Each structure stands twice: as structure tokens, then as C-alpha cells.
Amino acid sequence: MAFERFEADRPYAPSPTPEGFSVDLAVFSGPFDALLSMIAERRVDLTEVALSQVTDEFLSYVRGLDLGGERNMDAASAFLDVAAVLVEAKSAALLPGDEHGERDERSMEALRERDLLFARLVQYRAFKQAAMAFRERDDARAGVFAHPGGVDDSYAAMAPQLVWTMSPEGLAALAAAVLANAPVDRVAVSQLHVPPVDFHAQARIVVGRLRRLGPGESTTFADLTGDARENVEVAARFLAVLVLFKQGSIQFKQRAPFEVLHLRWIAGVGEPEDIGEEEFL
């Protein structure tokens, strides 16, 4: 039978099998774990794998190990388990058929057992990888120690012994009384430092400046508020402009929103009515 020799050409996941154990067979050369992966993926025909050669190489490898270590003993046991699975699977695959190439019920049962063994091999590999992940996490946290909670005994002795005399009903009544007498939440405004502004005084400034304009002359709102010290003064003068326009005392012109606002006093109009905040109600 012609076969192709596979090399370990891709990374393989580490597992609890002996680290550094590799095989050199006719169909494969590389780490033993990689061979198991390729068998499970059907990339290597199990019937072409010389299990006796694998066993001999493993025995030679084991002779150089310190079997007194727990980890090496676990690795050796793991190899024996895998080897037993491989032997059973290969035996099932090599069972012959009848003269027509068909297999009897016994052979079919053996093939089913072989498929089950392949499933066990895949499951075994998954458990090995999970065990390695747990081992890596355990090694990474080997220097972490939990600090027990509680008070040191030398300080705990200084605290007086708590004597609880209140019943659960009494505690509930006390809590209800505290909640019933709790002050009403109020929004504090002490942090707001907005200076008060005399609206009438700002309105008189607007009227005085507009009336001093000559016939046909106009001014801009920016000029009316150029000397305002606070934004609230600008707002008060704008409200005064709205009131004067409502009373018919001024005219305005603005080409587009947010453009310059031009204002002028209407000739022949006398003193405006008293301007008050009630104009905006």
C-alpha cells in the first residue's frame, strides 16, 4: 500500500503526555501529540502506524525520566491509556471481510467499536488540553495568597461586647420613626451667584440711547449692550427691546436669523408706557 509520510508542519496543543516525546515513523515524524491529532482527524491511517515502534520509542524515552515525580508518572499512565485505545482501534480496522469484501455482523460491531474508540481519543485530547489550561492557571497564581478577613485578636479584645436587647418589632418601629421624621429634601441654590438686575433701569438705558438718535438713524443691538457687565444685563435689555416693539415705539431690521439686528426709534412717538415684567405674562 502506498502511503505519504507526514511531518509535524503545524503547531500542536500541549497536553499532559510526556513533553519532548516525539516519534519517527514511516508515515509520520514529529511530536506524539501531533500524531494523535492527525489520527483523530483521519489525516493519518491508523492501520499504517507501527504501534510497536511507537511503544519501543516511548519505553526508550521513559528510561531517561525520573519516575519518582508525580507529573512523569501521570504522563506515563496517560500514554498507556492512549496506546490501549490505539491498539483496539487498529485491531478493529484490520479485521478482514468475507470473500465478497463484505463484513459480517461481528466485523461491523468491531468497526462500531473502532469509531467509539476514535471518539474516546478525541474526548481524551480535549480533557488533556483542559487539564493543561488548569495547570497553567494554577502556576500563574501560585504566588497569590488570600488574606483572611476579620479583626486581629489583639484589637478585638478591646471592643466591648455587644448586648442586643431590642426585639425585631422594636427595631422595625424605630426605623419607621426615623424615616417618618426625615427632613424633606430641598435643592440648594446657595451656589448660584447670579446678581440681581433692575429691569426698569436697563429699559431706561435702551430708551435713552434710541431717542438720542437723529431722524432716520439706527443703531445695533450690539451697540446697545456693549457696556453690559453681565449676561443677565444683556438679557434684560433684550426684553426691553421686545416690550418697546410690542408698544410700537421702535422698528427693527434683520436680514436673516443671527444677522446684525438694527433698531431705530419711530419719529413722533412720545415717551413709552411704563415697562414692567408683567408685559411678558
Protein backbone atom coordinates (compact mmCIF):
# COMPACT_ATOMS: atom_id res chain seq x y z
CA MET A 1 0.00 0.00 0.00
CA ALA A 2 1.37 3.40 -0.95
CA PHE A 3 1.42 5.96 1.80
CA GLU A 4 2.53 9.51 2.34
CA ARG A 5 4.89 10.50 5.12
CA PHE A 6 3.58 13.37 7.23
CA GLU A 7 5.79 15.82 9.04
CA ALA A 8 4.62 17.86 12.04
CA ASP A 9 4.15 21.03 9.98
CA ARG A 10 1.77 22.91 12.25
CA PRO A 11 1.66 23.91 15.92
CA TYR A 12 0.03 21.42 18.22
CA ALA A 13 -1.68 21.98 21.53
CA PRO A 14 0.39 20.94 24.57
CA SER A 15 -1.03 18.16 26.71
CA PRO A 16 -0.14 16.07 29.76
CA THR A 17 1.65 13.45 27.62
CA PRO A 18 5.43 13.49 28.12
CA GLU A 19 6.88 16.77 27.00
CA GLY A 20 9.53 16.30 24.34
CA PHE A 21 8.38 12.80 23.32
CA SER A 22 8.47 12.50 19.54
CA VAL A 23 8.15 9.61 17.15
CA ASP A 24 9.89 8.90 13.86
CA LEU A 25 7.73 6.52 11.83
CA ALA A 26 7.38 5.71 8.17
CA VAL A 27 4.17 7.75 7.87
CA PHE A 28 4.86 10.47 10.39
CA SER A 29 7.70 12.22 12.16
CA GLY A 30 7.13 14.69 14.97
CA PRO A 31 5.59 15.15 18.42
CA PHE A 32 3.38 12.33 19.66
CA ASP A 33 0.53 14.73 20.39
CA ALA A 34 0.57 15.87 16.77
CA LEU A 35 0.29 12.22 15.67
CA LEU A 36 -2.78 11.76 17.87
CA SER A 37 -4.36 14.86 16.39
CA MET A 38 -3.77 13.67 12.82
CA ILE A 39 -5.19 10.22 13.61
CA ALA A 40 -8.31 11.79 15.11
CA GLU A 41 -8.68 13.99 12.01
CA ARG A 42 -8.20 10.94 9.74
CA ARG A 43 -5.15 12.57 8.13
CA VAL A 44 -3.10 9.51 9.02
CA ASP A 45 -4.44 5.98 8.52
CA LEU A 46 -4.19 4.15 11.83
CA THR A 47 -3.51 0.86 10.07
CA GLU A 48 -0.25 2.31 8.70
CA VAL A 49 1.03 3.36 12.12
CA ALA A 50 3.54 0.94 13.62
CA LEU A 51 2.33 0.90 17.21
CA SER A 52 5.11 -1.45 18.28
CA GLN A 53 7.68 1.08 17.10
CA VAL A 54 5.83 3.85 18.95
CA THR A 55 5.88 1.73 22.10
CA ASP A 56 9.59 0.97 21.76
CA GLU A 57 10.42 4.64 21.33
CA PHE A 58 8.30 5.54 24.34
CA LEU A 59 10.00 2.92 26.51
CA SER A 60 13.37 4.33 25.50
CA TYR A 61 12.11 7.77 26.38
CA VAL A 62 10.77 6.63 29.76
CA ARG A 63 14.13 5.15 30.75
CA GLY A 64 15.54 8.67 30.82
CA LEU A 65 12.74 10.04 33.02
CA ASP A 66 12.60 10.38 36.77
CA LEU A 67 9.52 8.30 37.53
CA GLY A 68 9.65 9.43 41.12
CA GLY A 69 7.99 12.66 40.03
CA GLU A 70 4.21 12.71 40.10
CA ARG A 71 3.98 14.54 36.79
CA ASN A 72 6.12 11.94 34.96
CA MET A 73 4.05 9.09 36.41
CA ASP A 74 0.86 10.77 35.22
CA ALA A 75 2.37 11.19 31.76
CA ALA A 76 3.34 7.52 31.59
CA SER A 77 -0.15 6.45 32.67
CA ALA A 78 -1.68 8.74 30.07
CA PHE A 79 0.45 7.19 27.32
CA LEU A 80 -0.59 3.67 28.34
CA ASP A 81 -4.24 4.68 28.17
CA VAL A 82 -3.83 6.20 24.71
CA ALA A 83 -1.79 3.24 23.49
CA ALA A 84 -4.53 0.83 24.59
CA VAL A 85 -7.09 2.83 22.63
CA LEU A 86 -4.88 2.82 19.54
CA VAL A 87 -4.29 -0.94 19.72
CA GLU A 88 -8.02 -1.68 19.98
CA ALA A 89 -8.84 0.73 17.16
CA LYS A 90 -6.16 -0.71 14.88
CA SER A 91 -7.29 -4.26 15.61
CA ALA A 92 -10.84 -3.38 14.61
CA ALA A 93 -9.66 -1.70 11.42
CA LEU A 94 -7.63 -4.77 10.37
CA LEU A 95 -10.48 -7.28 10.73
CA PRO A 96 -10.97 -8.97 7.32
CA GLY A 97 -14.24 -9.23 5.39
CA ASP A 98 -15.74 -12.23 3.57
CA GLU A 99 -14.92 -13.39 0.05
CA HIS A 100 -17.14 -10.65 -1.42
CA GLY A 101 -15.41 -7.91 0.54
CA GLU A 102 -18.39 -7.54 2.87
CA ARG A 103 -18.09 -7.66 6.62
CA ASP A 104 -20.24 -9.83 8.87
CA GLU A 105 -22.10 -8.58 11.91
CA ARG A 106 -19.09 -9.25 14.13
CA SER A 107 -16.87 -7.17 11.87
CA MET A 108 -19.43 -4.35 11.75
CA GLU A 109 -19.63 -4.40 15.53
CA ALA A 110 -15.85 -4.17 15.65
CA LEU A 111 -15.95 -1.18 13.30
CA ARG A 112 -18.51 0.49 15.53
CA GLU A 113 -16.20 -0.15 18.44
CA ARG A 114 -13.40 1.44 16.42
CA ASP A 115 -15.48 4.57 15.84
CA LEU A 116 -16.24 4.66 19.54
CA LEU A 117 -12.54 4.43 20.28
CA PHE A 118 -11.86 7.33 17.92
CA ALA A 119 -14.46 9.33 19.80
CA ARG A 120 -12.73 8.43 23.06
CA LEU A 121 -9.45 9.60 21.55
CA VAL A 122 -10.91 12.97 20.63
CA GLN A 123 -12.50 13.29 24.06
CA TYR A 124 -9.24 12.31 25.72
CA ARG A 125 -7.37 15.00 23.80
CA ALA A 126 -9.94 17.61 24.87
CA PHE A 127 -9.56 16.63 28.52
CA LYS A 128 -5.77 16.79 28.23
CA GLN A 129 -5.93 20.31 26.82
CA ALA A 130 -8.33 21.37 29.58
CA ALA A 131 -6.00 19.91 32.20
CA MET A 132 -3.07 21.85 30.75
CA ALA A 133 -5.12 25.06 30.83
CA PHE A 134 -5.92 24.47 34.51
CA ARG A 135 -2.26 23.75 35.23
CA GLU A 136 -1.15 26.99 33.53
CA ARG A 137 -3.67 28.99 35.55
CA ASP A 138 -2.58 27.29 38.74
CA ASP A 139 1.08 28.08 38.00
CA ALA A 140 0.25 31.70 37.18
CA ARG A 141 -1.50 32.13 40.54
CA ALA A 142 0.94 30.13 42.62
CA GLY A 143 2.21 33.26 44.37
CA VAL A 144 -1.23 34.63 45.24
CA PHE A 145 -2.48 34.12 48.77
CA ALA A 146 -5.86 35.06 50.19
CA HIS A 147 -5.86 37.39 53.17
CA PRO A 148 -8.32 36.25 55.84
CA GLY A 149 -10.82 38.88 56.91
CA GLY A 150 -11.72 39.94 60.39
CA VAL A 151 -10.16 41.96 63.19
CA ASP A 152 -6.89 40.98 64.78
CA ASP A 153 -7.38 39.26 68.13
CA SER A 154 -5.37 41.92 69.96
CA TYR A 155 -7.81 44.61 68.77
CA ALA A 156 -10.96 42.51 69.01
CA ALA A 157 -10.44 42.15 72.76
CA MET A 158 -10.52 45.95 73.14
CA ALA A 159 -14.04 46.28 71.73
CA PRO A 160 -16.91 45.96 74.23
CA GLN A 161 -19.20 43.00 73.93
CA LEU A 162 -22.38 43.89 72.06
CA VAL A 163 -25.53 43.29 74.07
CA TRP A 164 -28.65 43.24 71.90
CA THR A 165 -31.82 43.91 73.86
CA MET A 166 -34.24 45.18 71.19
CA SER A 167 -36.79 42.88 69.60
CA PRO A 168 -37.27 42.74 65.82
CA GLU A 169 -40.60 44.55 66.20
CA GLY A 170 -38.96 47.33 68.18
CA LEU A 171 -36.22 47.72 65.56
CA ALA A 172 -38.85 47.98 62.82
CA ALA A 173 -40.77 50.65 64.78
CA LEU A 174 -37.56 52.62 65.36
CA ALA A 175 -36.67 52.53 61.66
CA ALA A 176 -40.18 53.67 60.71
CA ALA A 177 -39.95 56.61 63.13
CA VAL A 178 -36.59 57.68 61.71
CA LEU A 179 -37.89 57.60 58.16
CA ALA A 180 -41.09 59.45 59.09
CA ASN A 181 -39.17 62.31 60.73
CA ALA A 182 -36.56 62.63 57.98
CA PRO A 183 -36.25 66.18 56.61
CA VAL A 184 -37.66 66.88 53.17
CA ASP A 185 -35.01 67.01 50.51
CA ARG A 186 -34.54 70.50 49.11
CA VAL A 187 -32.47 71.65 46.20
CA ALA A 188 -29.78 74.03 47.42
CA VAL A 189 -29.37 77.23 45.40
CA SER A 190 -26.68 78.83 47.54
CA GLN A 191 -24.09 78.01 44.89
CA LEU A 192 -25.90 80.14 42.31
CA HIS A 193 -24.41 83.64 42.44
CA VAL A 194 -26.49 85.49 39.83
CA PRO A 195 -26.50 89.21 40.70
CA PRO A 196 -29.95 90.83 40.67
CA VAL A 197 -30.64 93.27 37.81
CA ASP A 198 -33.03 96.23 37.80
CA PHE A 199 -35.12 95.63 34.71
CA HIS A 200 -36.56 99.17 34.70
CA ALA A 201 -33.07 100.70 34.84
CA GLN A 202 -31.92 98.62 31.86
CA ALA A 203 -35.08 99.59 29.93
CA ARG A 204 -34.41 103.31 30.56
CA ILE A 205 -30.88 102.88 29.15
CA VAL A 206 -32.30 101.36 25.95
CA VAL A 207 -34.96 104.09 25.56
CA GLY A 208 -32.49 106.90 26.23
CA ARG A 209 -29.99 105.70 23.63
CA LEU A 210 -32.64 105.13 20.96
CA ARG A 211 -34.25 108.55 21.48
CA ARG A 212 -30.90 110.29 21.13
CA LEU A 213 -30.57 109.03 17.57
CA GLY A 214 -31.17 111.57 14.81
CA PRO A 215 -34.07 111.30 12.32
CA GLY A 216 -33.67 108.17 10.20
CA GLU A 217 -30.66 106.96 12.19
CA SER A 218 -30.45 103.48 13.67
CA THR A 219 -28.21 101.53 15.98
CA THR A 220 -27.46 97.88 16.51
CA PHE A 221 -28.35 95.72 19.45
CA ALA A 222 -24.63 95.05 19.95
CA ASP A 223 -24.11 98.81 20.47
CA LEU A 224 -26.97 98.91 22.98
CA THR A 225 -25.35 96.16 25.05
CA GLY A 226 -21.69 96.98 24.54
CA ASP A 227 -21.26 98.27 28.10
CA ALA A 228 -23.23 95.45 29.78
CA ARG A 229 -21.15 93.85 32.53
CA GLU A 230 -23.16 90.64 32.95
CA ASN A 231 -25.07 88.39 30.60
CA VAL A 232 -28.17 88.99 32.68
CA GLU A 233 -27.98 92.71 31.78
CA VAL A 234 -27.90 91.79 28.08
CA ALA A 235 -30.99 89.63 28.60
CA ALA A 236 -32.80 92.46 30.41
CA ARG A 237 -32.08 94.94 27.58
CA PHE A 238 -33.29 92.41 25.00
CA LEU A 239 -36.54 92.02 26.91
CA ALA A 240 -36.88 95.81 26.94
CA VAL A 241 -36.49 95.84 23.14
CA LEU A 242 -39.30 93.29 22.84
CA VAL A 243 -41.59 95.38 25.03
CA LEU A 244 -40.85 98.57 23.05
CA PHE A 245 -41.59 96.77 19.78
CA LYS A 246 -44.85 95.46 21.23
CA GLN A 247 -45.84 99.01 22.20
CA GLY A 248 -45.00 100.30 18.68
CA SER A 249 -42.17 102.57 19.85
CA ILE A 250 -39.35 101.08 17.74
CA GLN A 251 -38.71 99.38 14.42
CA PHE A 252 -36.12 96.73 13.69
CA LYS A 253 -34.47 95.23 10.63
CA GLN A 254 -32.59 91.94 10.35
CA ARG A 255 -31.70 90.34 7.03
CA ALA A 256 -31.60 86.78 8.34
CA PRO A 257 -31.60 84.91 11.63
CA PHE A 258 -28.44 85.54 13.66
CA GLU A 259 -27.55 88.52 11.47
CA VAL A 260 -26.99 92.03 12.85
CA LEU A 261 -30.13 93.48 14.46
CA HIS A 262 -30.71 97.16 13.60
CA LEU A 263 -33.05 99.25 15.79
CA ARG A 264 -34.43 102.79 15.49
CA TRP A 265 -36.91 104.98 17.34
CA ILE A 266 -40.13 105.81 15.49
CA ALA A 267 -40.34 109.58 14.90
CA GLY A 268 -43.29 111.28 16.56
CA VAL A 269 -43.64 108.68 19.30
CA GLY A 270 -43.51 110.14 22.78
CA GLU A 271 -42.37 108.54 25.99
CA PRO A 272 -43.17 104.82 26.08
CA GLU A 273 -45.53 103.36 28.55
CA ASP A 274 -44.13 102.08 31.80
CA ILE A 275 -42.19 98.89 31.03
CA GLY A 276 -42.62 96.12 33.58
CA GLU A 277 -42.15 92.41 33.82
CA GLU A 278 -45.90 91.94 33.51
CA GLU A 279 -45.57 92.74 29.81
CA PHE A 280 -44.33 89.18 29.26
CA LEU A 281 -47.12 87.42 31.14
